[in-house]
Amino acid sequence: MTDNQTHVNTEAQDAPRFNLPPFNPKGEVQTDTSPPFKPPPYSEAPAIYPPEEGGVVAPIPPEEFNSVGEPVTNSALLMSSFDDVTIRKAFIRKVFSVVTLQLVVTFSIVCVFTFSNVVRKAVQKNIWVYLSSYILFVVVAMCLIFCSSLSRKHPWNLVALSVVTLSLSYMVGTVASFHNTDSVVIAMGSTVVISFAIIIFSFQTRVDFTVCNGIYLVLAMDLLTFSFFCCFYYSNVLQIVYGTLGALLFSLFLAIDCQLVMGRQKYALDPEEYVFAALILYLDIMNIFLYLLILMGGSSK
């Protein structure tokens, strides 16, 4: 064998071997008829990772995609929060509209008992008119306490609210007939200003008054005890102090109830309880007016 042939064979052995199709002596390249390579099928079950120390790792849920191939975001929470805000705003508008209508009716009846000399003298001469107003209001209040379902059924909730408004307006009107006209007018104006200021303050403040219900309940019991002793030791000074403390306490209750209606704090009222919400705000404002009448009555003497 010559040196040239030996050099050619050595290069042939050192050359890289490629997977070429077998040579066909006729000059044609044979095609591979074997099926193409396919990856093994993946399981549809969620991937399970090995447990860590102290517990088992839960499988990761698969991500959802729409028809275009984009990931689907969970928009239910966004829609829920938007719906909650919309419902709460409608609830607030409805409650304060009802309270405004109640106050207009009540103060109109109070003006009749205050500015009409005929009605005032009739109430002052007939004590049963004054006592019947208290009895009527107590009966209506007890019916609402023991029949709480009335405040949740339409239209009985509106009927009950109307009866409470008329009975309390009648009672407040008879009380106002025993006071001077100037004292009643000043008490009404002060009540409107105080209530409006408390409502605005409750809208913008970050202080949560709803978590102090226990403290306010204790203060209410103290005020009740103080009023009991004032019956035996009456004086103008005690009447002024009692009226001031009562107006201050129910101003705090009005702030609590306003925050319950707005629902921005820890506790909130159900948006379906608009009749109950209007009733508690109305009672708070009426109590402020009655205690201011007590204050003005003591100062006028």
C-alpha atoms as a PDB file:
ATOM      1  CA  MET A   1       0.000   0.000   0.000  1.00  0.00           C
ATOM      2  CA  THR A   2       1.361   3.372  -0.969  1.00  0.00           C
ATOM      3  CA  ASP A   3       1.783   6.397   1.255  1.00  0.00           C
ATOM      4  CA  ASN A   4      -1.013   8.302  -0.525  1.00  0.00           C
ATOM      5  CA  GLN A   5      -3.544   5.525   0.068  1.00  0.00           C
ATOM      6  CA  THR A   6      -2.529   5.303   3.726  1.00  0.00           C
ATOM      7  CA  HIS A   7      -3.038   9.049   4.170  1.00  0.00           C
ATOM      8  CA  VAL A   8      -6.516   8.908   2.581  1.00  0.00           C
ATOM      9  CA  ASN A   9      -7.651   6.030   4.805  1.00  0.00           C
ATOM     10  CA  THR A  10      -6.425   7.846   7.929  1.00  0.00           C
ATOM     11  CA  GLU A  11      -8.393  10.986   7.016  1.00  0.00           C
ATOM     12  CA  ALA A  12     -11.486   8.872   6.389  1.00  0.00           C
ATOM     13  CA  GLN A  13     -11.198   7.325   9.829  1.00  0.00           C
ATOM     14  CA  ASP A  14     -10.617  10.709  11.527  1.00  0.00           C
ATOM     15  CA  ALA A  15     -13.550  12.412   9.760  1.00  0.00           C
ATOM     16  CA  PRO A  16     -16.772  12.818  11.812  1.00  0.00           C
ATOM     17  CA  ARG A  17     -19.460  10.297  11.213  1.00  0.00           C
ATOM     18  CA  PHE A  18     -22.875  11.747  10.262  1.00  0.00           C
ATOM     19  CA  ASN A  19     -26.148   9.859  10.319  1.00  0.00           C
ATOM     20  CA  LEU A  20     -26.689   9.839   6.611  1.00  0.00           C
ATOM     21  CA  PRO A  21     -29.268   7.733   4.930  1.00  0.00           C
ATOM     22  CA  PRO A  22     -27.959   4.513   3.418  1.00  0.00           C
ATOM     23  CA  PHE A  23     -26.446   4.819  -0.001  1.00  0.00           C
ATOM     24  CA  ASN A  24     -28.476   3.540  -2.870  1.00  0.00           C
ATOM     25  CA  PRO A  25     -26.415   2.310  -5.811  1.00  0.00           C
ATOM     26  CA  LYS A  26     -29.018   3.628  -8.231  1.00  0.00           C
ATOM     27  CA  GLY A  27     -28.341   7.175  -7.036  1.00  0.00           C
ATOM     28  CA  GLU A  28     -31.573   7.675  -5.058  1.00  0.00           C
ATOM     29  CA  VAL A  29     -31.727   8.643  -1.349  1.00  0.00           C
ATOM     30  CA  GLN A  30     -33.959   6.428   0.735  1.00  0.00           C
ATOM     31  CA  THR A  31     -36.419   8.242   3.016  1.00  0.00           C
ATOM     32  CA  ASP A  32     -37.004   7.190   6.621  1.00  0.00           C
ATOM     33  CA  THR A  33     -40.529   5.789   6.978  1.00  0.00           C
ATOM     34  CA  SER A  34     -40.452   5.530  10.810  1.00  0.00           C
ATOM     35  CA  PRO A  35     -43.008   7.731  12.703  1.00  0.00           C
ATOM     36  CA  PRO A  36     -41.734  11.127  13.919  1.00  0.00           C
ATOM     37  CA  PHE A  37     -40.644  11.568  17.496  1.00  0.00           C
ATOM     38  CA  LYS A  38     -43.417  12.655  19.912  1.00  0.00           C
ATOM     39  CA  PRO A  39     -42.932  13.826  23.523  1.00  0.00           C
ATOM     40  CA  PRO A  40     -44.633  11.764  26.230  1.00  0.00           C
ATOM     41  CA  PRO A  41     -48.154  12.950  27.125  1.00  0.00           C
ATOM     42  CA  TYR A  42     -48.488  15.161  30.184  1.00  0.00           C
ATOM     43  CA  SER A  43     -50.918  14.323  32.965  1.00  0.00           C
ATOM     44  CA  GLU A  44     -53.933  16.584  33.448  1.00  0.00           C
ATOM     45  CA  ALA A  45     -53.642  16.332  37.227  1.00  0.00           C
ATOM     46  CA  PRO A  46     -52.121  19.366  39.010  1.00  0.00           C
ATOM     47  CA  ALA A  47     -48.457  19.218  39.776  1.00  0.00           C
ATOM     48  CA  ILE A  48     -47.653  17.951  43.257  1.00  0.00           C
ATOM     49  CA  TYR A  49     -44.434  19.095  44.824  1.00  0.00           C
ATOM     50  CA  PRO A  50     -42.533  17.220  47.508  1.00  0.00           C
ATOM     51  CA  PRO A  51     -43.572  18.125  51.044  1.00  0.00           C
ATOM     52  CA  GLU A  52     -41.509  20.519  53.061  1.00  0.00           C
ATOM     53  CA  GLU A  53     -40.579  20.116  56.672  1.00  0.00           C
ATOM     54  CA  GLY A  54     -43.573  20.555  58.927  1.00  0.00           C
ATOM     55  CA  GLY A  55     -46.361  20.120  56.370  1.00  0.00           C
ATOM     56  CA  VAL A  56     -47.490  19.337  52.837  1.00  0.00           C
ATOM     57  CA  VAL A  57     -47.391  21.858  50.031  1.00  0.00           C
ATOM     58  CA  ALA A  58     -50.755  22.187  48.339  1.00  0.00           C
ATOM     59  CA  PRO A  59     -50.868  21.856  44.547  1.00  0.00           C
ATOM     60  CA  ILE A  60     -50.856  25.089  42.575  1.00  0.00           C
ATOM     61  CA  PRO A  61     -54.159  25.564  40.719  1.00  0.00           C
ATOM     62  CA  PRO A  62     -53.838  25.923  36.958  1.00  0.00           C
ATOM     63  CA  GLU A  63     -54.133  29.407  35.501  1.00  0.00           C
ATOM     64  CA  GLU A  64     -57.240  30.132  33.426  1.00  0.00           C
ATOM     65  CA  PHE A  65     -57.011  31.553  29.907  1.00  0.00           C
ATOM     66  CA  ASN A  66     -59.640  33.018  27.619  1.00  0.00           C
ATOM     67  CA  SER A  67     -60.280  32.164  23.977  1.00  0.00           C
ATOM     68  CA  VAL A  68     -57.566  34.568  22.806  1.00  0.00           C
ATOM     69  CA  GLY A  69     -54.973  32.993  25.062  1.00  0.00           C
ATOM     70  CA  GLU A  70     -54.708  35.819  27.592  1.00  0.00           C
ATOM     71  CA  PRO A  71     -54.835  35.026  31.322  1.00  0.00           C
ATOM     72  CA  VAL A  72     -58.218  35.640  32.924  1.00  0.00           C
ATOM     73  CA  THR A  73     -58.076  38.037  35.894  1.00  0.00           C
ATOM     74  CA  ASN A  74     -60.428  37.607  38.812  1.00  0.00           C
ATOM     75  CA  SER A  75     -62.714  40.592  38.224  1.00  0.00           C
ATOM     76  CA  ALA A  76     -65.368  39.366  40.670  1.00  0.00           C
ATOM     77  CA  LEU A  77     -63.696  41.126  43.579  1.00  0.00           C
ATOM     78  CA  LEU A  78     -63.449  44.370  41.624  1.00  0.00           C
ATOM     79  CA  MET A  79     -67.110  44.241  40.635  1.00  0.00           C
ATOM     80  CA  SER A  80     -68.076  43.288  44.185  1.00  0.00           C
ATOM     81  CA  SER A  81     -66.252  46.253  45.714  1.00  0.00           C
ATOM     82  CA  PHE A  82     -67.739  48.610  43.119  1.00  0.00           C
ATOM     83  CA  ASP A  83     -71.243  47.263  43.758  1.00  0.00           C
ATOM     84  CA  ASP A  84     -70.761  47.605  47.520  1.00  0.00           C
ATOM     85  CA  VAL A  85     -69.776  51.264  47.197  1.00  0.00           C
ATOM     86  CA  THR A  86     -72.714  52.000  44.906  1.00  0.00           C
ATOM     87  CA  ILE A  87     -75.201  50.261  47.175  1.00  0.00           C
ATOM     88  CA  ARG A  88     -73.790  52.000  50.257  1.00  0.00           C
ATOM     89  CA  LYS A  89     -74.108  55.441  48.627  1.00  0.00           C
ATOM     90  CA  ALA A  90     -77.711  54.736  47.634  1.00  0.00           C
ATOM     91  CA  PHE A  91     -78.395  53.499  51.164  1.00  0.00           C
ATOM     92  CA  ILE A  92     -76.974  56.704  52.692  1.00  0.00           C
ATOM     93  CA  ARG A  93     -79.044  58.907  50.382  1.00  0.00           C
ATOM     94  CA  LYS A  94     -82.206  56.991  51.202  1.00  0.00           C
ATOM     95  CA  VAL A  95     -81.615  57.102  54.973  1.00  0.00           C
ATOM     96  CA  PHE A  96     -80.897  60.819  55.172  1.00  0.00           C
ATOM     97  CA  SER A  97     -83.822  61.613  52.864  1.00  0.00           C
ATOM     98  CA  VAL A  98     -86.168  59.756  55.210  1.00  0.00           C
ATOM     99  CA  VAL A  99     -84.649  61.459  58.276  1.00  0.00           C
ATOM    100  CA  THR A 100     -85.046  64.885  56.662  1.00  0.00           C
ATOM    101  CA  LEU A 101     -88.703  64.173  55.950  1.00  0.00           C
ATOM    102  CA  GLN A 102     -89.226  63.023  59.543  1.00  0.00           C
ATOM    103  CA  LEU A 103     -87.630  66.181  60.940  1.00  0.00           C
ATOM    104  CA  VAL A 104     -89.754  68.403  58.704  1.00  0.00           C
ATOM    105  CA  VAL A 105     -92.937  66.692  59.926  1.00  0.00           C
ATOM    106  CA  THR A 106     -91.881  66.796  63.591  1.00  0.00           C
ATOM    107  CA  PHE A 107     -90.778  70.428  63.643  1.00  0.00           C
ATOM    108  CA  SER A 108     -93.937  71.426  61.776  1.00  0.00           C
ATOM    109  CA  ILE A 109     -96.068  69.835  64.491  1.00  0.00           C
ATOM    110  CA  VAL A 110     -93.887  71.442  67.180  1.00  0.00           C
ATOM    111  CA  CYS A 111     -94.476  74.836  65.580  1.00  0.00           C
ATOM    112  CA  VAL A 112     -98.230  74.249  65.722  1.00  0.00           C
ATOM    113  CA  PHE A 113     -98.054  73.476  69.464  1.00  0.00           C
ATOM    114  CA  THR A 114     -95.704  76.431  70.042  1.00  0.00           C
ATOM    115  CA  PHE A 115     -97.100  79.308  67.966  1.00  0.00           C
ATOM    116  CA  SER A 116    -100.814  78.493  68.284  1.00  0.00           C
ATOM    117  CA  ASN A 117    -102.127  79.931  71.546  1.00  0.00           C
ATOM    118  CA  VAL A 118    -105.311  77.886  71.287  1.00  0.00           C
ATOM    119  CA  VAL A 119    -103.459  74.582  71.065  1.00  0.00           C
ATOM    120  CA  ARG A 120    -100.974  75.571  73.755  1.00  0.00           C
ATOM    121  CA  LYS A 121    -103.648  76.528  76.252  1.00  0.00           C
ATOM    122  CA  ALA A 122    -105.647  73.388  75.476  1.00  0.00           C
ATOM    123  CA  VAL A 123    -102.644  71.198  76.244  1.00  0.00           C
ATOM    124  CA  GLN A 124    -101.753  73.110  79.404  1.00  0.00           C
ATOM    125  CA  LYS A 125    -105.297  72.902  80.768  1.00  0.00           C
ATOM    126  CA  ASN A 126    -105.814  69.200  79.945  1.00  0.00           C
ATOM    127  CA  ILE A 127    -103.070  67.137  81.484  1.00  0.00           C
ATOM    128  CA  TRP A 128    -104.408  63.964  79.870  1.00  0.00           C
ATOM    129  CA  VAL A 129    -103.309  65.291  76.457  1.00  0.00           C
ATOM    130  CA  TYR A 130     -99.764  65.527  77.781  1.00  0.00           C
ATOM    131  CA  LEU A 131     -99.835  62.070  79.409  1.00  0.00           C
ATOM    132  CA  SER A 132    -101.516  60.393  76.431  1.00  0.00           C
ATOM    133  CA  SER A 133     -98.650  61.447  74.182  1.00  0.00           C
ATOM    134  CA  TYR A 134     -96.208  59.522  76.383  1.00  0.00           C
ATOM    135  CA  ILE A 135     -98.489  56.482  76.558  1.00  0.00           C
ATOM    136  CA  LEU A 136     -98.966  56.420  72.779  1.00  0.00           C
ATOM    137  CA  PHE A 137     -95.243  56.631  72.124  1.00  0.00           C
ATOM    138  CA  VAL A 138     -94.424  53.883  74.670  1.00  0.00           C
ATOM    139  CA  VAL A 139     -97.021  51.550  73.113  1.00  0.00           C
ATOM    140  CA  VAL A 140     -95.667  52.103  69.600  1.00  0.00           C
ATOM    141  CA  ALA A 141     -92.077  51.643  70.779  1.00  0.00           C
ATOM    142  CA  MET A 142     -92.920  48.385  72.569  1.00  0.00           C
ATOM    143  CA  CYS A 143     -94.686  47.066  69.469  1.00  0.00           C
ATOM    144  CA  LEU A 144     -91.577  47.733  67.387  1.00  0.00           C
ATOM    145  CA  ILE A 145     -89.322  46.105  69.984  1.00  0.00           C
ATOM    146  CA  PHE A 146     -91.313  42.880  70.223  1.00  0.00           C
ATOM    147  CA  CYS A 147     -92.292  42.828  66.514  1.00  0.00           C
ATOM    148  CA  SER A 148     -88.931  43.542  64.938  1.00  0.00           C
ATOM    149  CA  SER A 149     -90.031  41.854  61.702  1.00  0.00           C
ATOM    150  CA  LEU A 150     -92.162  44.928  60.940  1.00  0.00           C
ATOM    151  CA  SER A 151     -89.035  46.919  60.203  1.00  0.00           C
ATOM    152  CA  ARG A 152     -87.958  44.428  57.525  1.00  0.00           C
ATOM    153  CA  LYS A 153     -91.203  43.871  55.591  1.00  0.00           C
ATOM    154  CA  HIS A 154     -92.384  46.303  52.966  1.00  0.00           C
ATOM    155  CA  PRO A 155     -94.702  48.252  53.264  1.00  0.00           C
ATOM    156  CA  TRP A 156     -95.186  47.545  56.974  1.00  0.00           C
ATOM    157  CA  ASN A 157     -91.782  49.026  57.754  1.00  0.00           C
ATOM    158  CA  LEU A 158     -92.840  52.373  56.279  1.00  0.00           C
ATOM    159  CA  VAL A 159     -96.152  52.205  58.155  1.00  0.00           C
ATOM    160  CA  ALA A 160     -94.355  51.553  61.439  1.00  0.00           C
ATOM    161  CA  LEU A 161     -91.908  54.375  60.764  1.00  0.00           C
ATOM    162  CA  SER A 162     -94.774  56.768  60.019  1.00  0.00           C
ATOM    163  CA  VAL A 163     -96.587  55.805  63.234  1.00  0.00           C
ATOM    164  CA  VAL A 164     -93.411  56.305  65.286  1.00  0.00           C
ATOM    165  CA  THR A 165     -92.797  59.692  63.664  1.00  0.00           C
ATOM    166  CA  LEU A 166     -96.332  60.935  64.308  1.00  0.00           C
ATOM    167  CA  SER A 167     -96.462  59.648  67.891  1.00  0.00           C
ATOM    168  CA  LEU A 168     -93.087  61.141  68.794  1.00  0.00           C
ATOM    169  CA  SER A 169     -93.979  64.417  67.065  1.00  0.00           C
ATOM    170  CA  TYR A 170     -97.155  64.576  69.134  1.00  0.00           C
ATOM    171  CA  MET A 171     -95.191  63.949  72.340  1.00  0.00           C
ATOM    172  CA  VAL A 172     -92.479  66.504  71.512  1.00  0.00           C
ATOM    173  CA  GLY A 173     -95.153  69.051  70.575  1.00  0.00           C
ATOM    174  CA  THR A 174     -96.911  68.668  73.927  1.00  0.00           C
ATOM    175  CA  VAL A 175     -93.585  69.036  75.747  1.00  0.00           C
ATOM    176  CA  ALA A 176     -92.758  72.167  73.737  1.00  0.00           C
ATOM    177  CA  SER A 177     -96.128  73.726  74.622  1.00  0.00           C
ATOM    178  CA  PHE A 178     -94.961  74.065  78.263  1.00  0.00           C
ATOM    179  CA  HIS A 179     -91.884  76.111  77.272  1.00  0.00           C
ATOM    180  CA  ASN A 180     -91.462  79.653  76.058  1.00  0.00           C
ATOM    181  CA  THR A 181     -91.602  80.294  72.340  1.00  0.00           C
ATOM    182  CA  ASP A 182     -88.107  81.746  72.305  1.00  0.00           C
ATOM    183  CA  SER A 183     -86.693  78.689  74.088  1.00  0.00           C
ATOM    184  CA  VAL A 184     -88.333  76.334  71.587  1.00  0.00           C
ATOM    185  CA  VAL A 185     -87.049  78.291  68.575  1.00  0.00           C
ATOM    186  CA  ILE A 186     -83.513  78.434  69.985  1.00  0.00           C
ATOM    187  CA  ALA A 187     -83.616  74.699  70.784  1.00  0.00           C
ATOM    188  CA  MET A 188     -84.781  73.840  67.254  1.00  0.00           C
ATOM    189  CA  GLY A 189     -82.081  75.977  65.640  1.00  0.00           C
ATOM    190  CA  SER A 190     -79.395  74.570  67.932  1.00  0.00           C
ATOM    191  CA  THR A 191     -80.537  71.014  67.190  1.00  0.00           C
ATOM    192  CA  VAL A 192     -80.300  71.540  63.439  1.00  0.00           C
ATOM    193  CA  VAL A 193     -76.827  73.110  63.707  1.00  0.00           C
ATOM    194  CA  ILE A 194     -75.484  70.461  66.102  1.00  0.00           C
ATOM    195  CA  SER A 195     -76.882  67.563  64.056  1.00  0.00           C
ATOM    196  CA  PHE A 196     -75.523  68.945  60.778  1.00  0.00           C
ATOM    197  CA  ALA A 197     -72.080  69.513  62.301  1.00  0.00           C
ATOM    198  CA  ILE A 198     -71.973  65.979  63.761  1.00  0.00           C
ATOM    199  CA  ILE A 199     -73.004  64.407  60.445  1.00  0.00           C
ATOM    200  CA  ILE A 200     -70.282  66.315  58.554  1.00  0.00           C
ATOM    201  CA  PHE A 201     -67.739  65.392  61.216  1.00  0.00           C
ATOM    202  CA  SER A 202     -68.707  61.710  61.017  1.00  0.00           C
ATOM    203  CA  PHE A 203     -68.276  61.763  57.237  1.00  0.00           C
ATOM    204  CA  GLN A 204     -64.693  63.022  57.252  1.00  0.00           C
ATOM    205  CA  THR A 205     -63.192  61.789  60.532  1.00  0.00           C
ATOM    206  CA  ARG A 206     -60.996  58.704  60.844  1.00  0.00           C
ATOM    207  CA  VAL A 207     -61.825  58.199  64.522  1.00  0.00           C
ATOM    208  CA  ASP A 208     -63.923  55.067  64.982  1.00  0.00           C
ATOM    209  CA  PHE A 209     -66.705  55.751  67.500  1.00  0.00           C
ATOM    210  CA  THR A 210     -68.432  52.412  66.857  1.00  0.00           C
ATOM    211  CA  VAL A 211     -65.982  50.477  69.045  1.00  0.00           C
ATOM    212  CA  CYS A 212     -66.926  52.483  72.170  1.00  0.00           C
ATOM    213  CA  ASN A 213     -70.514  51.306  72.559  1.00  0.00           C
ATOM    214  CA  GLY A 214     -69.799  49.835  76.001  1.00  0.00           C
ATOM    215  CA  ILE A 215     -68.441  53.138  77.298  1.00  0.00           C
ATOM    216  CA  TYR A 216     -71.444  55.057  75.994  1.00  0.00           C
ATOM    217  CA  LEU A 217     -73.802  52.546  77.582  1.00  0.00           C
ATOM    218  CA  VAL A 218     -72.156  53.140  80.958  1.00  0.00           C
ATOM    219  CA  LEU A 219     -72.479  56.899  80.472  1.00  0.00           C
ATOM    220  CA  ALA A 220     -76.153  56.480  79.595  1.00  0.00           C
ATOM    221  CA  MET A 221     -76.754  54.543  82.829  1.00  0.00           C
ATOM    222  CA  ASP A 222     -74.965  57.257  84.793  1.00  0.00           C
ATOM    223  CA  LEU A 223     -77.147  59.913  83.177  1.00  0.00           C
ATOM    224  CA  LEU A 224     -80.257  57.904  84.034  1.00  0.00           C
ATOM    225  CA  THR A 225     -79.175  57.660  87.666  1.00  0.00           C
ATOM    226  CA  PHE A 226     -78.427  61.383  87.738  1.00  0.00           C
ATOM    227  CA  SER A 227     -81.888  62.166  86.387  1.00  0.00           C
ATOM    228  CA  PHE A 228     -83.450  59.999  89.119  1.00  0.00           C
ATOM    229  CA  PHE A 229     -81.732  62.041  91.858  1.00  0.00           C
ATOM    230  CA  CYS A 230     -82.666  65.286  90.139  1.00  0.00           C
ATOM    231  CA  CYS A 231     -86.322  64.416  90.740  1.00  0.00           C
ATOM    232  CA  PHE A 232     -85.754  64.663  94.522  1.00  0.00           C
ATOM    233  CA  TYR A 233     -83.236  67.517  94.559  1.00  0.00           C
ATOM    234  CA  TYR A 234     -84.551  69.889  91.919  1.00  0.00           C
ATOM    235  CA  SER A 235     -82.828  73.164  91.134  1.00  0.00           C
ATOM    236  CA  ASN A 236     -82.174  75.287  88.081  1.00  0.00           C
ATOM    237  CA  VAL A 237     -78.461  74.485  88.164  1.00  0.00           C
ATOM    238  CA  LEU A 238     -79.111  70.733  88.207  1.00  0.00           C
ATOM    239  CA  GLN A 239     -81.547  71.130  85.313  1.00  0.00           C
ATOM    240  CA  ILE A 240     -78.935  72.979  83.250  1.00  0.00           C
ATOM    241  CA  VAL A 241     -76.283  70.367  84.046  1.00  0.00           C
ATOM    242  CA  TYR A 242     -78.685  67.522  83.276  1.00  0.00           C
ATOM    243  CA  GLY A 243     -79.720  69.050  79.948  1.00  0.00           C
ATOM    244  CA  THR A 244     -76.105  69.679  78.956  1.00  0.00           C
ATOM    245  CA  LEU A 245     -74.978  66.139  79.785  1.00  0.00           C
ATOM    246  CA  GLY A 246     -77.959  64.605  77.979  1.00  0.00           C
ATOM    247  CA  ALA A 247     -77.406  66.665  74.821  1.00  0.00           C
ATOM    248  CA  LEU A 248     -73.711  65.788  74.859  1.00  0.00           C
ATOM    249  CA  LEU A 249     -74.352  62.065  75.326  1.00  0.00           C
ATOM    250  CA  PHE A 250     -76.884  61.814  72.505  1.00  0.00           C
ATOM    251  CA  SER A 251     -74.581  63.839  70.271  1.00  0.00           C
ATOM    252  CA  LEU A 252     -72.054  61.040  70.746  1.00  0.00           C
ATOM    253  CA  PHE A 253     -74.756  58.474  69.958  1.00  0.00           C
ATOM    254  CA  LEU A 254     -75.588  60.413  66.791  1.00  0.00           C
ATOM    255  CA  ALA A 255     -71.929  60.240  65.718  1.00  0.00           C
ATOM    256  CA  ILE A 256     -71.905  56.464  66.319  1.00  0.00           C
ATOM    257  CA  ASP A 257     -75.101  55.903  64.346  1.00  0.00           C
ATOM    258  CA  CYS A 258     -73.874  58.080  61.463  1.00  0.00           C
ATOM    259  CA  GLN A 259     -70.740  55.949  61.180  1.00  0.00           C
ATOM    260  CA  LEU A 260     -72.862  52.788  61.284  1.00  0.00           C
ATOM    261  CA  VAL A 261     -74.907  54.129  58.380  1.00  0.00           C
ATOM    262  CA  MET A 262     -71.842  55.156  56.353  1.00  0.00           C
ATOM    263  CA  GLY A 263     -70.164  51.764  56.882  1.00  0.00           C
ATOM    264  CA  ARG A 264     -66.568  52.991  56.696  1.00  0.00           C
ATOM    265  CA  GLN A 265     -65.573  51.775  60.155  1.00  0.00           C
ATOM    266  CA  LYS A 266     -65.344  48.385  61.866  1.00  0.00           C
ATOM    267  CA  TYR A 267     -69.113  47.976  62.262  1.00  0.00           C
ATOM    268  CA  ALA A 268     -71.815  48.886  59.754  1.00  0.00           C
ATOM    269  CA  LEU A 269     -75.524  48.451  59.166  1.00  0.00           C
ATOM    270  CA  ASP A 270     -76.970  46.221  56.492  1.00  0.00           C
ATOM    271  CA  PRO A 271     -78.072  48.294  53.452  1.00  0.00           C
ATOM    272  CA  GLU A 272     -81.497  46.647  53.682  1.00  0.00           C
ATOM    273  CA  GLU A 273     -82.064  48.138  57.148  1.00  0.00           C
ATOM    274  CA  TYR A 274     -82.725  51.666  55.915  1.00  0.00           C
ATOM    275  CA  VAL A 275     -85.873  52.015  58.039  1.00  0.00           C
ATOM    276  CA  PHE A 276     -84.029  51.029  61.206  1.00  0.00           C
ATOM    277  CA  ALA A 277     -81.123  53.338  60.314  1.00  0.00           C
ATOM    278  CA  ALA A 278     -83.468  56.286  59.746  1.00  0.00           C
ATOM    279  CA  LEU A 279     -85.258  55.528  63.014  1.00  0.00           C
ATOM    280  CA  ILE A 280     -82.129  55.545  65.201  1.00  0.00           C
ATOM    281  CA  LEU A 281     -80.847  58.784  63.640  1.00  0.00           C
ATOM    282  CA  TYR A 282     -84.250  60.386  64.113  1.00  0.00           C
ATOM    283  CA  LEU A 283     -84.441  59.322  67.771  1.00  0.00           C
ATOM    284  CA  ASP A 284     -80.944  60.667  68.451  1.00  0.00           C
ATOM    285  CA  ILE A 285     -81.824  64.073  66.997  1.00  0.00           C
ATOM    286  CA  MET A 286     -85.105  64.211  68.906  1.00  0.00           C
ATOM    287  CA  ASN A 287     -83.354  63.398  72.169  1.00  0.00           C
ATOM    288  CA  ILE A 288     -80.864  66.201  71.518  1.00  0.00           C
ATOM    289  CA  PHE A 289     -83.798  68.569  70.986  1.00  0.00           C
ATOM    290  CA  LEU A 290     -85.559  67.468  74.196  1.00  0.00           C
ATOM    291  CA  TYR A 291     -82.419  67.855  76.315  1.00  0.00           C
ATOM    292  CA  LEU A 292     -81.797  71.281  74.821  1.00  0.00           C
ATOM    293  CA  LEU A 293     -85.365  72.189  75.825  1.00  0.00           C
ATOM    294  CA  ILE A 294     -84.543  71.090  79.383  1.00  0.00           C
ATOM    295  CA  LEU A 295     -81.398  73.216  79.255  1.00  0.00           C
ATOM    296  CA  MET A 296     -83.269  76.252  77.933  1.00  0.00           C
ATOM    297  CA  GLY A 297     -86.047  75.762  80.480  1.00  0.00           C
ATOM    298  CA  GLY A 298     -83.579  75.776  83.375  1.00  0.00           C
ATOM    299  CA  SER A 299     -81.717  78.804  82.048  1.00  0.00           C
ATOM    300  CA  SER A 300     -84.947  80.781  81.470  1.00  0.00           C
ATOM    301  CA  LYS A 301     -85.932  80.370  85.122  1.00  0.00           C
END
